[in-house]
């Protein structure tokens, strides 16, 4: 993953100047010229194969991502978790761990994910969803997608009498692997106790391995995104024995390692739950944008009472 600024955008590729002033060209596989403007600040996930970089995902970095969010903890009393799972099994343990951690650390009442899913399903069935395609080009429209997600989260918050909705999207990605260490979305994890070099589609000493990533977004009652973080969670296959073969790794094995789970939760939610600090441990100050979001949350709670 890298962050930087778009310098060139072509129908089949994008060029990004990263934070180390390195120029990285990435094959997109689709035309993004109508979606990503030149000079836009972006976060890019990609894989490399044969010296060629291939796009996995790309998002434009919004201003909300740089706003210190820890003061929000004191403005929210009740949230609900809305899971969105794509191709990953046994994710209930992660939802339960997040719920317990936010209850103990932030002091929030956390509503059950099952309720949020039931309400979201009903809303999506009873109301026409916002079209996420650009009507003029037919391309995926990031802004329309974000509006649809915000509208759904805001509606779920209102229906469940919550101050905010934490959307937890869990999905599979290809984690790049070297010397039996998988690296993806800010995470590093050993997939073996010794170095191996194989040509298996699961990866090996060098290659790739399937892994689960969590994309977390906290939405207010008004449908505004308050906080977000995307972070790798766990590899989904581990090397078994000395024969360099890989076998699927159930997430239940990850949940059993309490030390690892606690470390992941602390690092993932550090910016959200650390009182009085922003990114990097610096004292946080309320920006006008954040203060406005907090006021909306408070007003929404008073109206519900």
C-alpha atoms as a PDB file:
ATOM      1  CA  UNK A   1       0.000   0.000   0.000  1.00  0.00           C
ATOM      2  CA  UNK A   2       1.198   3.524  -0.706  1.00  0.00           C
ATOM      3  CA  UNK A   3      -0.032   7.075  -0.309  1.00  0.00           C
ATOM      4  CA  UNK A   4       0.828   9.901  -2.643  1.00  0.00           C
ATOM      5  CA  UNK A   5      -0.352  12.181  -5.420  1.00  0.00           C
ATOM      6  CA  UNK A   6      -1.481  11.262  -8.919  1.00  0.00           C
ATOM      7  CA  UNK A   7       0.910  12.661 -11.537  1.00  0.00           C
ATOM      8  CA  UNK A   8      -0.317  10.855 -14.652  1.00  0.00           C
ATOM      9  CA  UNK A   9      -3.609   9.094 -15.369  1.00  0.00           C
ATOM     10  CA  UNK A  10      -3.992   6.928 -18.488  1.00  0.00           C
ATOM     11  CA  UNK A  11      -6.848   4.649 -19.630  1.00  0.00           C
ATOM     12  CA  UNK A  12      -4.898   1.573 -18.483  1.00  0.00           C
ATOM     13  CA  UNK A  13      -2.512   2.898 -15.814  1.00  0.00           C
ATOM     14  CA  UNK A  14      -1.953   5.441 -13.084  1.00  0.00           C
ATOM     15  CA  UNK A  15       1.299   7.034 -11.919  1.00  0.00           C
ATOM     16  CA  UNK A  16       1.695   8.099  -8.302  1.00  0.00           C
ATOM     17  CA  UNK A  17       4.389  10.175  -6.593  1.00  0.00           C
ATOM     18  CA  UNK A  18       4.657   8.595  -3.143  1.00  0.00           C
ATOM     19  CA  UNK A  19       5.727  10.089   0.200  1.00  0.00           C
ATOM     20  CA  UNK A  20       9.373   9.209  -0.487  1.00  0.00           C
ATOM     21  CA  UNK A  21       9.279  11.102  -3.813  1.00  0.00           C
ATOM     22  CA  UNK A  22       9.376   7.852  -5.755  1.00  0.00           C
ATOM     23  CA  UNK A  23       7.345   7.521  -8.947  1.00  0.00           C
ATOM     24  CA  UNK A  24       5.257   4.341  -9.081  1.00  0.00           C
ATOM     25  CA  UNK A  25       3.336   3.279 -12.187  1.00  0.00           C
ATOM     26  CA  UNK A  26       0.463   0.848 -11.678  1.00  0.00           C
ATOM     27  CA  UNK A  27      -1.628  -1.011 -14.256  1.00  0.00           C
ATOM     28  CA  UNK A  28      -5.310  -0.418 -13.507  1.00  0.00           C
ATOM     29  CA  UNK A  29      -7.054  -2.919 -15.778  1.00  0.00           C
ATOM     30  CA  UNK A  30      -9.804  -0.326 -16.322  1.00  0.00           C
ATOM     31  CA  UNK A  31     -10.184   3.312 -17.292  1.00  0.00           C
ATOM     32  CA  UNK A  32     -10.095   5.559 -14.205  1.00  0.00           C
ATOM     33  CA  UNK A  33      -9.547   8.854 -16.032  1.00  0.00           C
ATOM     34  CA  UNK A  34     -13.081  10.062 -15.250  1.00  0.00           C
ATOM     35  CA  UNK A  35     -12.840   9.092 -11.556  1.00  0.00           C
ATOM     36  CA  UNK A  36      -9.349  10.088 -10.384  1.00  0.00           C
ATOM     37  CA  UNK A  37      -8.142  13.606 -11.227  1.00  0.00           C
ATOM     38  CA  UNK A  38      -4.480  14.540 -11.647  1.00  0.00           C
ATOM     39  CA  UNK A  39      -2.904  15.838  -8.395  1.00  0.00           C
ATOM     40  CA  UNK A  40      -5.496  14.004  -6.258  1.00  0.00           C
ATOM     41  CA  UNK A  41      -4.141  12.616  -2.951  1.00  0.00           C
ATOM     42  CA  UNK A  42      -4.714   8.859  -3.057  1.00  0.00           C
ATOM     43  CA  UNK A  43      -4.210   5.656  -1.102  1.00  0.00           C
ATOM     44  CA  UNK A  44      -3.365   2.730  -3.405  1.00  0.00           C
ATOM     45  CA  UNK A  45      -3.273  -1.024  -2.800  1.00  0.00           C
ATOM     46  CA  UNK A  46      -1.462  -3.074  -5.451  1.00  0.00           C
ATOM     47  CA  UNK A  47       0.466  -6.250  -6.132  1.00  0.00           C
ATOM     48  CA  UNK A  48       3.617  -6.769  -8.168  1.00  0.00           C
ATOM     49  CA  UNK A  49       4.224  -9.603 -10.614  1.00  0.00           C
ATOM     50  CA  UNK A  50       7.067  -9.895 -13.101  1.00  0.00           C
ATOM     51  CA  UNK A  51       8.119  -6.318 -12.477  1.00  0.00           C
ATOM     52  CA  UNK A  52       4.637  -4.988 -13.251  1.00  0.00           C
ATOM     53  CA  UNK A  53       2.395  -3.408 -10.611  1.00  0.00           C
ATOM     54  CA  UNK A  54      -1.318  -4.302 -10.733  1.00  0.00           C
ATOM     55  CA  UNK A  55      -4.026  -2.277  -9.011  1.00  0.00           C
ATOM     56  CA  UNK A  56      -6.059  -3.931  -6.245  1.00  0.00           C
ATOM     57  CA  UNK A  57      -7.907  -0.888  -4.893  1.00  0.00           C
ATOM     58  CA  UNK A  58      -7.639   2.908  -4.841  1.00  0.00           C
ATOM     59  CA  UNK A  59      -9.332   5.623  -2.785  1.00  0.00           C
ATOM     60  CA  UNK A  60      -9.070   9.390  -2.810  1.00  0.00           C
ATOM     61  CA  UNK A  61      -7.912  10.642   0.586  1.00  0.00           C
ATOM     62  CA  UNK A  62     -10.584  12.907   2.009  1.00  0.00           C
ATOM     63  CA  UNK A  63     -10.000  15.642   4.563  1.00  0.00           C
ATOM     64  CA  UNK A  64     -11.787  13.600   7.248  1.00  0.00           C
ATOM     65  CA  UNK A  65      -8.892  11.168   7.390  1.00  0.00           C
ATOM     66  CA  UNK A  66      -6.513  13.772   8.788  1.00  0.00           C
ATOM     67  CA  UNK A  67      -8.876  15.063  11.491  1.00  0.00           C
ATOM     68  CA  UNK A  68      -7.974  13.967  15.041  1.00  0.00           C
ATOM     69  CA  UNK A  69     -10.885  11.832  16.129  1.00  0.00           C
ATOM     70  CA  UNK A  70     -10.283  10.975  19.783  1.00  0.00           C
ATOM     71  CA  UNK A  71     -12.597  13.777  21.082  1.00  0.00           C
ATOM     72  CA  UNK A  72     -15.493  11.931  19.424  1.00  0.00           C
ATOM     73  CA  UNK A  73     -15.344   9.272  22.139  1.00  0.00           C
ATOM     74  CA  UNK A  74     -16.912  11.639  24.646  1.00  0.00           C
ATOM     75  CA  UNK A  75     -19.671  12.648  22.220  1.00  0.00           C
ATOM     76  CA  UNK A  76     -20.945   9.153  21.394  1.00  0.00           C
ATOM     77  CA  UNK A  77     -22.761   6.956  23.878  1.00  0.00           C
ATOM     78  CA  UNK A  78     -24.258   4.240  21.699  1.00  0.00           C
ATOM     79  CA  UNK A  79     -23.090   2.708  18.409  1.00  0.00           C
ATOM     80  CA  UNK A  80     -23.978  -0.365  16.402  1.00  0.00           C
ATOM     81  CA  UNK A  81     -21.699  -2.515  14.234  1.00  0.00           C
ATOM     82  CA  UNK A  82     -22.741  -3.279  10.658  1.00  0.00           C
ATOM     83  CA  UNK A  83     -20.669  -6.159   9.192  1.00  0.00           C
ATOM     84  CA  UNK A  84     -20.072  -6.411   5.447  1.00  0.00           C
ATOM     85  CA  UNK A  85     -18.310  -9.713   4.724  1.00  0.00           C
ATOM     86  CA  UNK A  86     -16.925 -10.691   1.328  1.00  0.00           C
ATOM     87  CA  UNK A  87     -15.384 -14.135   0.833  1.00  0.00           C
ATOM     88  CA  UNK A  88     -14.142 -14.624   4.416  1.00  0.00           C
ATOM     89  CA  UNK A  89     -15.600 -17.188   6.827  1.00  0.00           C
ATOM     90  CA  UNK A  90     -15.996 -17.144  10.615  1.00  0.00           C
ATOM     91  CA  UNK A  91     -15.892 -13.365  11.127  1.00  0.00           C
ATOM     92  CA  UNK A  92     -18.264 -13.305  14.123  1.00  0.00           C
ATOM     93  CA  UNK A  93     -15.315 -13.606  16.504  1.00  0.00           C
ATOM     94  CA  UNK A  94     -13.789 -10.413  15.129  1.00  0.00           C
ATOM     95  CA  UNK A  95     -17.078  -8.517  15.463  1.00  0.00           C
ATOM     96  CA  UNK A  96     -17.408  -9.715  19.066  1.00  0.00           C
ATOM     97  CA  UNK A  97     -13.827  -8.700  19.845  1.00  0.00           C
ATOM     98  CA  UNK A  98     -14.339  -5.209  18.381  1.00  0.00           C
ATOM     99  CA  UNK A  99     -17.590  -4.829  20.331  1.00  0.00           C
ATOM    100  CA  UNK A 100     -15.975  -5.817  23.629  1.00  0.00           C
ATOM    101  CA  UNK A 101     -12.921  -3.645  23.031  1.00  0.00           C
ATOM    102  CA  UNK A 102     -14.934  -0.492  22.234  1.00  0.00           C
ATOM    103  CA  UNK A 103     -17.220  -1.117  25.215  1.00  0.00           C
ATOM    104  CA  UNK A 104     -14.261  -1.461  27.598  1.00  0.00           C
ATOM    105  CA  UNK A 105     -12.047   1.232  26.057  1.00  0.00           C
ATOM    106  CA  UNK A 106     -14.423   3.905  24.766  1.00  0.00           C
ATOM    107  CA  UNK A 107     -17.233   3.214  27.221  1.00  0.00           C
ATOM    108  CA  UNK A 108     -19.792   2.901  24.430  1.00  0.00           C
ATOM    109  CA  UNK A 109     -22.868   0.715  24.397  1.00  0.00           C
ATOM    110  CA  UNK A 110     -22.390  -1.403  21.261  1.00  0.00           C
ATOM    111  CA  UNK A 111     -25.518  -2.799  19.619  1.00  0.00           C
ATOM    112  CA  UNK A 112     -25.562  -6.323  18.147  1.00  0.00           C
ATOM    113  CA  UNK A 113     -24.343  -6.720  14.544  1.00  0.00           C
ATOM    114  CA  UNK A 114     -27.296  -9.033  13.808  1.00  0.00           C
ATOM    115  CA  UNK A 115     -29.718  -6.156  14.410  1.00  0.00           C
ATOM    116  CA  UNK A 116     -27.774  -3.799  12.144  1.00  0.00           C
ATOM    117  CA  UNK A 117     -27.693  -6.423   9.369  1.00  0.00           C
ATOM    118  CA  UNK A 118     -31.424  -7.044   9.675  1.00  0.00           C
ATOM    119  CA  UNK A 119     -32.223  -3.324   9.505  1.00  0.00           C
ATOM    120  CA  UNK A 120     -29.800  -2.723   6.610  1.00  0.00           C
ATOM    121  CA  UNK A 121     -31.283  -5.615   4.616  1.00  0.00           C
ATOM    122  CA  UNK A 122     -34.801  -4.284   5.145  1.00  0.00           C
ATOM    123  CA  UNK A 123     -33.758  -0.762   4.109  1.00  0.00           C
ATOM    124  CA  UNK A 124     -32.044  -2.009   0.965  1.00  0.00           C
ATOM    125  CA  UNK A 125     -35.060  -4.106  -0.017  1.00  0.00           C
ATOM    126  CA  UNK A 126     -37.668  -1.419   0.655  1.00  0.00           C
ATOM    127  CA  UNK A 127     -35.838   1.577  -0.803  1.00  0.00           C
ATOM    128  CA  UNK A 128     -34.190   1.928  -4.217  1.00  0.00           C
ATOM    129  CA  UNK A 129     -30.439   2.133  -3.738  1.00  0.00           C
ATOM    130  CA  UNK A 130     -28.464   5.077  -4.995  1.00  0.00           C
ATOM    131  CA  UNK A 131     -26.970   4.279  -8.400  1.00  0.00           C
ATOM    132  CA  UNK A 132     -23.192   4.165  -8.025  1.00  0.00           C
ATOM    133  CA  UNK A 133     -22.504   4.393 -11.743  1.00  0.00           C
ATOM    134  CA  UNK A 134     -21.841   7.641 -13.553  1.00  0.00           C
ATOM    135  CA  UNK A 135     -24.888   8.094 -15.831  1.00  0.00           C
ATOM    136  CA  UNK A 136     -22.795   9.714 -18.571  1.00  0.00           C
ATOM    137  CA  UNK A 137     -19.948   7.185 -18.724  1.00  0.00           C
ATOM    138  CA  UNK A 138     -21.296   4.100 -16.938  1.00  0.00           C
ATOM    139  CA  UNK A 139     -18.123   4.013 -14.793  1.00  0.00           C
ATOM    140  CA  UNK A 140     -18.083   3.383 -11.063  1.00  0.00           C
ATOM    141  CA  UNK A 141     -18.575   6.695  -9.253  1.00  0.00           C
ATOM    142  CA  UNK A 142     -16.707   6.855  -5.933  1.00  0.00           C
ATOM    143  CA  UNK A 143     -18.641   9.871  -4.672  1.00  0.00           C
ATOM    144  CA  UNK A 144     -22.009   8.215  -5.396  1.00  0.00           C
ATOM    145  CA  UNK A 145     -20.857   5.048  -3.651  1.00  0.00           C
ATOM    146  CA  UNK A 146     -19.812   7.026  -0.563  1.00  0.00           C
ATOM    147  CA  UNK A 147     -23.152   8.859  -0.564  1.00  0.00           C
ATOM    148  CA  UNK A 148     -24.989   5.537  -0.716  1.00  0.00           C
ATOM    149  CA  UNK A 149     -22.919   4.080   2.126  1.00  0.00           C
ATOM    150  CA  UNK A 150     -23.431   7.181   4.248  1.00  0.00           C
ATOM    151  CA  UNK A 151     -27.166   7.231   3.590  1.00  0.00           C
ATOM    152  CA  UNK A 152     -27.499   3.548   4.547  1.00  0.00           C
ATOM    153  CA  UNK A 153     -25.404   3.958   7.716  1.00  0.00           C
ATOM    154  CA  UNK A 154     -27.347   7.057   8.755  1.00  0.00           C
ATOM    155  CA  UNK A 155     -30.647   5.238   8.267  1.00  0.00           C
ATOM    156  CA  UNK A 156     -29.412   2.257  10.308  1.00  0.00           C
ATOM    157  CA  UNK A 157     -28.324   4.632  13.082  1.00  0.00           C
ATOM    158  CA  UNK A 158     -31.747   6.270  13.177  1.00  0.00           C
ATOM    159  CA  UNK A 159     -33.677   2.988  13.113  1.00  0.00           C
ATOM    160  CA  UNK A 160     -31.581   1.515  15.948  1.00  0.00           C
ATOM    161  CA  UNK A 161     -31.463   4.735  18.011  1.00  0.00           C
ATOM    162  CA  UNK A 162     -27.659   4.805  17.792  1.00  0.00           C
ATOM    163  CA  UNK A 163     -25.340   7.807  17.771  1.00  0.00           C
ATOM    164  CA  UNK A 164     -23.157   6.252  15.080  1.00  0.00           C
ATOM    165  CA  UNK A 165     -22.694   3.120  12.943  1.00  0.00           C
ATOM    166  CA  UNK A 166     -19.368   1.321  12.612  1.00  0.00           C
ATOM    167  CA  UNK A 167     -19.313  -0.419   9.230  1.00  0.00           C
ATOM    168  CA  UNK A 168     -16.775  -3.268   9.336  1.00  0.00           C
ATOM    169  CA  UNK A 169     -16.049  -4.599   5.857  1.00  0.00           C
ATOM    170  CA  UNK A 170     -14.007  -7.825   5.860  1.00  0.00           C
ATOM    171  CA  UNK A 171     -12.688  -9.114   2.538  1.00  0.00           C
ATOM    172  CA  UNK A 172      -9.899 -11.175   0.933  1.00  0.00           C
ATOM    173  CA  UNK A 173      -6.776  -9.680  -0.621  1.00  0.00           C
ATOM    174  CA  UNK A 174      -3.522 -11.057  -1.981  1.00  0.00           C
ATOM    175  CA  UNK A 175      -0.733 -10.393   0.512  1.00  0.00           C
ATOM    176  CA  UNK A 176       2.745 -10.102  -0.960  1.00  0.00           C
ATOM    177  CA  UNK A 177       5.138 -12.579   0.633  1.00  0.00           C
ATOM    178  CA  UNK A 178       8.901 -12.692   0.916  1.00  0.00           C
ATOM    179  CA  UNK A 179      10.959 -15.005   3.097  1.00  0.00           C
ATOM    180  CA  UNK A 180       7.722 -16.442   4.485  1.00  0.00           C
ATOM    181  CA  UNK A 181       6.553 -13.054   5.773  1.00  0.00           C
ATOM    182  CA  UNK A 182       3.277 -11.712   4.361  1.00  0.00           C
ATOM    183  CA  UNK A 183       2.897  -7.928   4.098  1.00  0.00           C
ATOM    184  CA  UNK A 184      -0.368  -6.147   3.358  1.00  0.00           C
ATOM    185  CA  UNK A 185      -2.428  -3.149   4.489  1.00  0.00           C
ATOM    186  CA  UNK A 186      -0.091  -2.125   7.301  1.00  0.00           C
ATOM    187  CA  UNK A 187       0.324  -5.683   8.614  1.00  0.00           C
ATOM    188  CA  UNK A 188       3.170  -8.176   8.648  1.00  0.00           C
ATOM    189  CA  UNK A 189       2.713 -11.805   9.615  1.00  0.00           C
ATOM    190  CA  UNK A 190       4.856 -14.936   9.476  1.00  0.00           C
ATOM    191  CA  UNK A 191       3.259 -17.734   7.506  1.00  0.00           C
ATOM    192  CA  UNK A 192       5.887 -20.314   8.482  1.00  0.00           C
ATOM    193  CA  UNK A 193       8.436 -21.028  11.178  1.00  0.00           C
ATOM    194  CA  UNK A 194      11.206 -21.355   8.578  1.00  0.00           C
ATOM    195  CA  UNK A 195      12.058 -19.958   5.178  1.00  0.00           C
ATOM    196  CA  UNK A 196      10.557 -21.705   2.184  1.00  0.00           C
ATOM    197  CA  UNK A 197      10.675 -21.139  -1.507  1.00  0.00           C
ATOM    198  CA  UNK A 198       7.898 -22.721  -3.543  1.00  0.00           C
ATOM    199  CA  UNK A 199       5.776 -21.948  -6.568  1.00  0.00           C
ATOM    200  CA  UNK A 200       2.437 -22.765  -4.962  1.00  0.00           C
ATOM    201  CA  UNK A 201      -0.526 -20.477  -5.758  1.00  0.00           C
ATOM    202  CA  UNK A 202      -0.819 -19.962  -1.989  1.00  0.00           C
ATOM    203  CA  UNK A 203       2.572 -18.337  -1.994  1.00  0.00           C
ATOM    204  CA  UNK A 204       5.675 -19.631  -0.245  1.00  0.00           C
ATOM    205  CA  UNK A 205       9.106 -18.248   0.431  1.00  0.00           C
ATOM    206  CA  UNK A 206       8.294 -15.627  -2.179  1.00  0.00           C
ATOM    207  CA  UNK A 207       4.956 -14.972  -3.832  1.00  0.00           C
ATOM    208  CA  UNK A 208       1.582 -14.240  -2.296  1.00  0.00           C
ATOM    209  CA  UNK A 209      -0.960 -15.646   0.098  1.00  0.00           C
ATOM    210  CA  UNK A 210      -4.637 -14.940   0.715  1.00  0.00           C
ATOM    211  CA  UNK A 211      -5.258 -12.666   3.686  1.00  0.00           C
ATOM    212  CA  UNK A 212      -8.196 -10.941   5.373  1.00  0.00           C
ATOM    213  CA  UNK A 213      -8.369  -7.155   5.577  1.00  0.00           C
ATOM    214  CA  UNK A 214     -10.689  -4.974   7.657  1.00  0.00           C
ATOM    215  CA  UNK A 215     -11.958  -1.682   6.254  1.00  0.00           C
ATOM    216  CA  UNK A 216     -13.605   0.206   9.141  1.00  0.00           C
ATOM    217  CA  UNK A 217     -15.730   3.347   8.789  1.00  0.00           C
ATOM    218  CA  UNK A 218     -17.607   5.182  11.524  1.00  0.00           C
ATOM    219  CA  UNK A 219     -20.671   7.093  10.269  1.00  0.00           C
ATOM    220  CA  UNK A 220     -22.784   9.654  12.118  1.00  0.00           C
ATOM    221  CA  UNK A 221     -26.587   9.797  12.220  1.00  0.00           C
ATOM    222  CA  UNK A 222     -26.475  12.408   9.464  1.00  0.00           C
ATOM    223  CA  UNK A 223     -24.532  10.054   7.176  1.00  0.00           C
ATOM    224  CA  UNK A 224     -21.176  11.829   7.558  1.00  0.00           C
ATOM    225  CA  UNK A 225     -18.036   9.716   7.852  1.00  0.00           C
ATOM    226  CA  UNK A 226     -16.352  10.524  11.175  1.00  0.00           C
ATOM    227  CA  UNK A 227     -13.396   8.131  11.117  1.00  0.00           C
ATOM    228  CA  UNK A 228     -11.959   5.351   9.005  1.00  0.00           C
ATOM    229  CA  UNK A 229      -9.095   2.915   8.957  1.00  0.00           C
ATOM    230  CA  UNK A 230      -8.102   0.033   6.703  1.00  0.00           C
ATOM    231  CA  UNK A 231      -5.807  -2.578   8.201  1.00  0.00           C
ATOM    232  CA  UNK A 232      -4.824  -6.146   7.509  1.00  0.00           C
ATOM    233  CA  UNK A 233      -6.146  -8.694   9.990  1.00  0.00           C
ATOM    234  CA  UNK A 234      -4.765 -12.196   9.351  1.00  0.00           C
ATOM    235  CA  UNK A 235      -3.414 -14.488   6.654  1.00  0.00           C
ATOM    236  CA  UNK A 236      -5.857 -17.196   5.630  1.00  0.00           C
ATOM    237  CA  UNK A 237      -3.298 -19.958   4.979  1.00  0.00           C
ATOM    238  CA  UNK A 238      -0.222 -21.195   6.859  1.00  0.00           C
ATOM    239  CA  UNK A 239       2.687 -23.386   5.899  1.00  0.00           C
ATOM    240  CA  UNK A 240       2.271 -26.898   7.289  1.00  0.00           C
ATOM    241  CA  UNK A 241       5.408 -28.830   8.232  1.00  0.00           C
ATOM    242  CA  UNK A 242       8.659 -29.046   6.292  1.00  0.00           C
ATOM    243  CA  UNK A 243       7.073 -29.966   2.957  1.00  0.00           C
ATOM    244  CA  UNK A 244       6.303 -26.321   2.135  1.00  0.00           C
ATOM    245  CA  UNK A 245       2.622 -27.032   1.577  1.00  0.00           C
ATOM    246  CA  UNK A 246       0.000 -24.568   2.712  1.00  0.00           C
ATOM    247  CA  UNK A 247      -3.263 -25.280   4.427  1.00  0.00           C
ATOM    248  CA  UNK A 248      -6.221 -23.035   5.169  1.00  0.00           C
ATOM    249  CA  UNK A 249      -6.108 -21.235   8.475  1.00  0.00           C
ATOM    250  CA  UNK A 250      -9.463 -20.711  10.225  1.00  0.00           C
ATOM    251  CA  UNK A 251      -9.897 -17.345  11.887  1.00  0.00           C
ATOM    252  CA  UNK A 252     -10.889 -19.168  15.079  1.00  0.00           C
ATOM    253  CA  UNK A 253      -7.175 -19.932  15.489  1.00  0.00           C
ATOM    254  CA  UNK A 254      -6.474 -16.188  15.440  1.00  0.00           C
ATOM    255  CA  UNK A 255      -9.153 -15.424  18.017  1.00  0.00           C
ATOM    256  CA  UNK A 256      -7.586 -17.952  20.407  1.00  0.00           C
ATOM    257  CA  UNK A 257      -4.386 -15.875  20.552  1.00  0.00           C
ATOM    258  CA  UNK A 258      -5.565 -13.221  23.011  1.00  0.00           C
ATOM    259  CA  UNK A 259      -2.260 -11.345  23.025  1.00  0.00           C
ATOM    260  CA  UNK A 260      -2.300 -10.960  19.258  1.00  0.00           C
ATOM    261  CA  UNK A 261      -5.951  -9.894  19.244  1.00  0.00           C
ATOM    262  CA  UNK A 262      -5.374  -7.250  21.920  1.00  0.00           C
ATOM    263  CA  UNK A 263      -2.391  -5.836  20.036  1.00  0.00           C
ATOM    264  CA  UNK A 264      -4.376  -5.657  16.777  1.00  0.00           C
ATOM    265  CA  UNK A 265      -7.334  -3.945  18.430  1.00  0.00           C
ATOM    266  CA  UNK A 266      -5.139  -1.406  20.239  1.00  0.00           C
ATOM    267  CA  UNK A 267      -3.223  -0.479  17.088  1.00  0.00           C
ATOM    268  CA  UNK A 268      -6.283  -0.417  14.835  1.00  0.00           C
ATOM    269  CA  UNK A 269      -8.411   1.789  17.098  1.00  0.00           C
ATOM    270  CA  UNK A 270      -5.591   3.851  18.656  1.00  0.00           C
ATOM    271  CA  UNK A 271      -6.552   7.094  16.933  1.00  0.00           C
ATOM    272  CA  UNK A 272     -10.214   6.628  17.810  1.00  0.00           C
ATOM    273  CA  UNK A 273      -9.949   5.658  21.467  1.00  0.00           C
ATOM    274  CA  UNK A 274      -6.829   7.425  22.807  1.00  0.00           C
ATOM    275  CA  UNK A 275      -8.145  10.344  24.932  1.00  0.00           C
ATOM    276  CA  UNK A 276      -6.765  13.753  24.013  1.00  0.00           C
ATOM    277  CA  UNK A 277      -4.360  12.572  21.319  1.00  0.00           C
ATOM    278  CA  UNK A 278      -4.330  12.581  17.558  1.00  0.00           C
ATOM    279  CA  UNK A 279      -2.108  10.704  15.105  1.00  0.00           C
ATOM    280  CA  UNK A 280       1.412  10.123  16.416  1.00  0.00           C
ATOM    281  CA  UNK A 281       0.427  10.788  20.020  1.00  0.00           C
ATOM    282  CA  UNK A 282       0.271  14.552  19.524  1.00  0.00           C
ATOM    283  CA  UNK A 283      -2.259  16.540  21.610  1.00  0.00           C
ATOM    284  CA  UNK A 284      -5.418  16.839  19.545  1.00  0.00           C
ATOM    285  CA  UNK A 285      -7.295  20.034  18.862  1.00  0.00           C
ATOM    286  CA  UNK A 286     -10.826  20.191  17.533  1.00  0.00           C
ATOM    287  CA  UNK A 287     -11.011  21.397  13.957  1.00  0.00           C
ATOM    288  CA  UNK A 288     -14.131  23.304  12.842  1.00  0.00           C
ATOM    289  CA  UNK A 289     -15.132  20.312  10.695  1.00  0.00           C
ATOM    290  CA  UNK A 290     -14.864  17.873  13.596  1.00  0.00           C
ATOM    291  CA  UNK A 291     -16.662  20.205  15.994  1.00  0.00           C
ATOM    292  CA  UNK A 292     -19.525  20.457  13.506  1.00  0.00           C
ATOM    293  CA  UNK A 293     -19.744  16.652  13.260  1.00  0.00           C
ATOM    294  CA  UNK A 294     -19.781  16.332  17.076  1.00  0.00           C
ATOM    295  CA  UNK A 295     -22.525  18.942  17.331  1.00  0.00           C
ATOM    296  CA  UNK A 296     -24.630  17.018  14.808  1.00  0.00           C
ATOM    297  CA  UNK A 297     -24.213  13.831  16.833  1.00  0.00           C
ATOM    298  CA  UNK A 298     -25.264  15.604  20.008  1.00  0.00           C
ATOM    299  CA  UNK A 299     -28.266  17.227  18.313  1.00  0.00           C
ATOM    300  CA  UNK A 300     -29.340  13.877  16.861  1.00  0.00           C
ATOM    301  CA  UNK A 301     -29.198  12.278  20.323  1.00  0.00           C
ATOM    302  CA  UNK A 302     -31.258  15.090  21.884  1.00  0.00           C
ATOM    303  CA  UNK A 303     -33.920  14.831  19.183  1.00  0.00           C
ATOM    304  CA  UNK A 304     -34.245  11.059  19.727  1.00  0.00           C
ATOM    305  CA  UNK A 305     -34.790  11.668  23.460  1.00  0.00           C
END
